[in-house]
Amino acid sequence: MSKKPIIVTPSTRKILAQVDEQIRLARLRRGISCQLAADCAKISRQTLAKIENGSPSVSTGAYANVLYALNDMTSDLLLIAKDDILRRKLQDLQLNIQQRKLKRNI
């Protein structure tokens, strides 16, 4: 059974490339070699190269391990979709807001 290729939109690919470049630059600024970063992240050097080259086939766990290896930057993952404005508006539309009943004067 062969794996299905991951189809990524051009705009998502552009964002992935930016994220991957930021990870690579963070590693270089810290003076960490590819091999050391891969060892600390418990992934292969090839997987680290895929991350730094923008491959969409790398697991989220591998990204988290690399961010952890780069001085415990895993909290940065919490920033993903933090302010989901569209979802918040959709949720607000679905809220059941009860209308107050009018008092009857008898």
C-alpha atoms as a PDB file:
ATOM      1  CA  MET A   1       0.000   0.000   0.000  1.00  0.00           C
ATOM      2  CA  SER A   2       1.603   3.233  -1.139  1.00  0.00           C
ATOM      3  CA  LYS A   3       1.247   6.551   0.626  1.00  0.00           C
ATOM      4  CA  LYS A   4      -0.948   9.173  -0.953  1.00  0.00           C
ATOM      5  CA  PRO A   5       0.939  12.355  -1.816  1.00  0.00           C
ATOM      6  CA  ILE A   6       0.186  15.344   0.371  1.00  0.00           C
ATOM      7  CA  ILE A   7      -1.373  18.123  -1.669  1.00  0.00           C
ATOM      8  CA  VAL A   8      -0.599  21.582  -0.328  1.00  0.00           C
ATOM      9  CA  THR A   9      -1.944  24.843  -1.709  1.00  0.00           C
ATOM     10  CA  PRO A  10       0.595  27.383  -2.957  1.00  0.00           C
ATOM     11  CA  SER A  11      -0.209  29.815  -0.123  1.00  0.00           C
ATOM     12  CA  THR A  12       0.242  27.072   2.488  1.00  0.00           C
ATOM     13  CA  ARG A  13       3.501  25.995   0.852  1.00  0.00           C
ATOM     14  CA  LYS A  14       4.729  29.597   1.090  1.00  0.00           C
ATOM     15  CA  ILE A  15       3.886  29.693   4.817  1.00  0.00           C
ATOM     16  CA  LEU A  16       5.566  26.323   5.396  1.00  0.00           C
ATOM     17  CA  ALA A  17       8.686  27.598   3.659  1.00  0.00           C
ATOM     18  CA  GLN A  18       8.726  30.632   5.955  1.00  0.00           C
ATOM     19  CA  VAL A  19       8.258  28.511   9.105  1.00  0.00           C
ATOM     20  CA  ASP A  20      10.968  26.120   8.007  1.00  0.00           C
ATOM     21  CA  GLU A  21      13.354  28.984   7.263  1.00  0.00           C
ATOM     22  CA  GLN A  22      12.689  30.406  10.740  1.00  0.00           C
ATOM     23  CA  ILE A  23      13.496  27.022  12.297  1.00  0.00           C
ATOM     24  CA  ARG A  24      16.721  26.788  10.294  1.00  0.00           C
ATOM     25  CA  LEU A  25      17.753  30.316  11.274  1.00  0.00           C
ATOM     26  CA  ALA A  26      16.974  29.629  14.948  1.00  0.00           C
ATOM     27  CA  ARG A  27      19.251  26.572  14.792  1.00  0.00           C
ATOM     28  CA  LEU A  28      22.037  28.527  13.107  1.00  0.00           C
ATOM     29  CA  ARG A  29      21.781  31.463  15.542  1.00  0.00           C
ATOM     30  CA  ARG A  30      22.268  29.016  18.406  1.00  0.00           C
ATOM     31  CA  GLY A  31      25.283  27.483  16.701  1.00  0.00           C
ATOM     32  CA  ILE A  32      23.723  24.013  16.674  1.00  0.00           C
ATOM     33  CA  SER A  33      24.811  21.606  13.936  1.00  0.00           C
ATOM     34  CA  CYS A  34      22.297  19.601  11.907  1.00  0.00           C
ATOM     35  CA  GLN A  35      23.472  16.370  13.497  1.00  0.00           C
ATOM     36  CA  LEU A  36      23.242  17.709  17.055  1.00  0.00           C
ATOM     37  CA  ALA A  37      19.773  19.185  16.456  1.00  0.00           C
ATOM     38  CA  ALA A  38      18.576  15.904  14.943  1.00  0.00           C
ATOM     39  CA  ASP A  39      20.042  13.889  17.832  1.00  0.00           C
ATOM     40  CA  CYS A  40      18.428  16.153  20.448  1.00  0.00           C
ATOM     41  CA  ALA A  41      15.100  16.008  18.584  1.00  0.00           C
ATOM     42  CA  LYS A  42      15.379  12.203  18.293  1.00  0.00           C
ATOM     43  CA  ILE A  43      14.901  12.332  14.531  1.00  0.00           C
ATOM     44  CA  SER A  44      17.180  11.564  11.604  1.00  0.00           C
ATOM     45  CA  ARG A  45      19.279  14.188   9.874  1.00  0.00           C
ATOM     46  CA  GLN A  46      17.223  13.545   6.760  1.00  0.00           C
ATOM     47  CA  THR A  47      13.996  14.417   8.609  1.00  0.00           C
ATOM     48  CA  LEU A  48      15.570  17.622   9.920  1.00  0.00           C
ATOM     49  CA  ALA A  49      16.620  18.463   6.349  1.00  0.00           C
ATOM     50  CA  LYS A  50      13.019  17.878   5.212  1.00  0.00           C
ATOM     51  CA  ILE A  51      11.777  20.229   7.935  1.00  0.00           C
ATOM     52  CA  GLU A  52      14.265  22.919   6.973  1.00  0.00           C
ATOM     53  CA  ASN A  53      13.458  22.493   3.270  1.00  0.00           C
ATOM     54  CA  GLY A  54       9.680  22.818   3.653  1.00  0.00           C
ATOM     55  CA  SER A  55       8.545  19.251   3.047  1.00  0.00           C
ATOM     56  CA  PRO A  56       4.832  18.934   3.904  1.00  0.00           C
ATOM     57  CA  SER A  57       5.212  15.220   4.693  1.00  0.00           C
ATOM     58  CA  VAL A  58       6.966  15.710   8.062  1.00  0.00           C
ATOM     59  CA  SER A  59       4.877  14.952  11.153  1.00  0.00           C
ATOM     60  CA  THR A  60       3.868  17.565  13.681  1.00  0.00           C
ATOM     61  CA  GLY A  61       5.677  15.543  16.329  1.00  0.00           C
ATOM     62  CA  ALA A  62       8.950  15.951  14.464  1.00  0.00           C
ATOM     63  CA  TYR A  63       8.395  19.712  14.330  1.00  0.00           C
ATOM     64  CA  ALA A  64       7.650  19.749  18.079  1.00  0.00           C
ATOM     65  CA  ASN A  65      10.810  17.751  18.818  1.00  0.00           C
ATOM     66  CA  VAL A  66      12.956  20.130  16.779  1.00  0.00           C
ATOM     67  CA  LEU A  67      11.436  23.168  18.484  1.00  0.00           C
ATOM     68  CA  TYR A  68      12.122  21.533  21.846  1.00  0.00           C
ATOM     69  CA  ALA A  69      15.719  20.816  20.828  1.00  0.00           C
ATOM     70  CA  LEU A  70      16.136  24.500  19.948  1.00  0.00           C
ATOM     71  CA  ASN A  71      15.945  25.633  23.566  1.00  0.00           C
ATOM     72  CA  ASP A  72      12.418  24.467  24.439  1.00  0.00           C
ATOM     73  CA  MET A  73      10.543  26.541  21.874  1.00  0.00           C
ATOM     74  CA  THR A  74       7.578  24.116  21.877  1.00  0.00           C
ATOM     75  CA  SER A  75       5.301  26.755  23.413  1.00  0.00           C
ATOM     76  CA  ASP A  76       5.455  28.449  19.995  1.00  0.00           C
ATOM     77  CA  LEU A  77       3.142  25.693  18.731  1.00  0.00           C
ATOM     78  CA  LEU A  78       0.397  27.158  20.909  1.00  0.00           C
ATOM     79  CA  LEU A  79       0.429  30.272  18.752  1.00  0.00           C
ATOM     80  CA  ILE A  80      -0.909  28.318  15.764  1.00  0.00           C
ATOM     81  CA  ALA A  81      -4.463  29.483  15.043  1.00  0.00           C
ATOM     82  CA  LYS A  82      -4.555  31.300  18.382  1.00  0.00           C
ATOM     83  CA  ASP A  83      -6.791  34.089  17.135  1.00  0.00           C
ATOM     84  CA  ASP A  84      -9.172  32.201  14.902  1.00  0.00           C
ATOM     85  CA  ILE A  85     -11.406  35.152  14.074  1.00  0.00           C
ATOM     86  CA  LEU A  86     -13.580  33.337  11.523  1.00  0.00           C
ATOM     87  CA  ARG A  87     -14.299  30.419  13.865  1.00  0.00           C
ATOM     88  CA  ARG A  88     -15.114  32.810  16.704  1.00  0.00           C
ATOM     89  CA  LYS A  89     -17.645  34.660  14.521  1.00  0.00           C
ATOM     90  CA  LEU A  90     -19.233  31.378  13.451  1.00  0.00           C
ATOM     91  CA  GLN A  91     -19.517  30.278  17.071  1.00  0.00           C
ATOM     92  CA  ASP A  92     -21.096  33.596  18.037  1.00  0.00           C
ATOM     93  CA  LEU A  93     -23.722  33.139  15.336  1.00  0.00           C
ATOM     94  CA  GLN A  94     -24.632  29.726  16.725  1.00  0.00           C
ATOM     95  CA  LEU A  95     -25.008  30.888  20.329  1.00  0.00           C
ATOM     96  CA  ASN A  96     -28.471  30.525  21.728  1.00  0.00           C
ATOM     97  CA  ILE A  97     -29.243  33.881  23.263  1.00  0.00           C
ATOM     98  CA  GLN A  98     -32.480  33.716  25.151  1.00  0.00           C
ATOM     99  CA  GLN A  99     -34.887  36.548  24.645  1.00  0.00           C
ATOM    100  CA  ARG A 100     -36.510  37.947  27.746  1.00  0.00           C
ATOM    101  CA  LYS A 101     -40.208  37.278  27.943  1.00  0.00           C
ATOM    102  CA  LEU A 102     -42.412  40.308  27.994  1.00  0.00           C
ATOM    103  CA  LYS A 103     -44.461  40.857  31.123  1.00  0.00           C
ATOM    104  CA  ARG A 104     -48.165  40.790  30.600  1.00  0.00           C
ATOM    105  CA  ASN A 105     -50.256  43.373  32.313  1.00  0.00           C
ATOM    106  CA  ILE A 106     -53.565  41.873  33.404  1.00  0.00           C
END
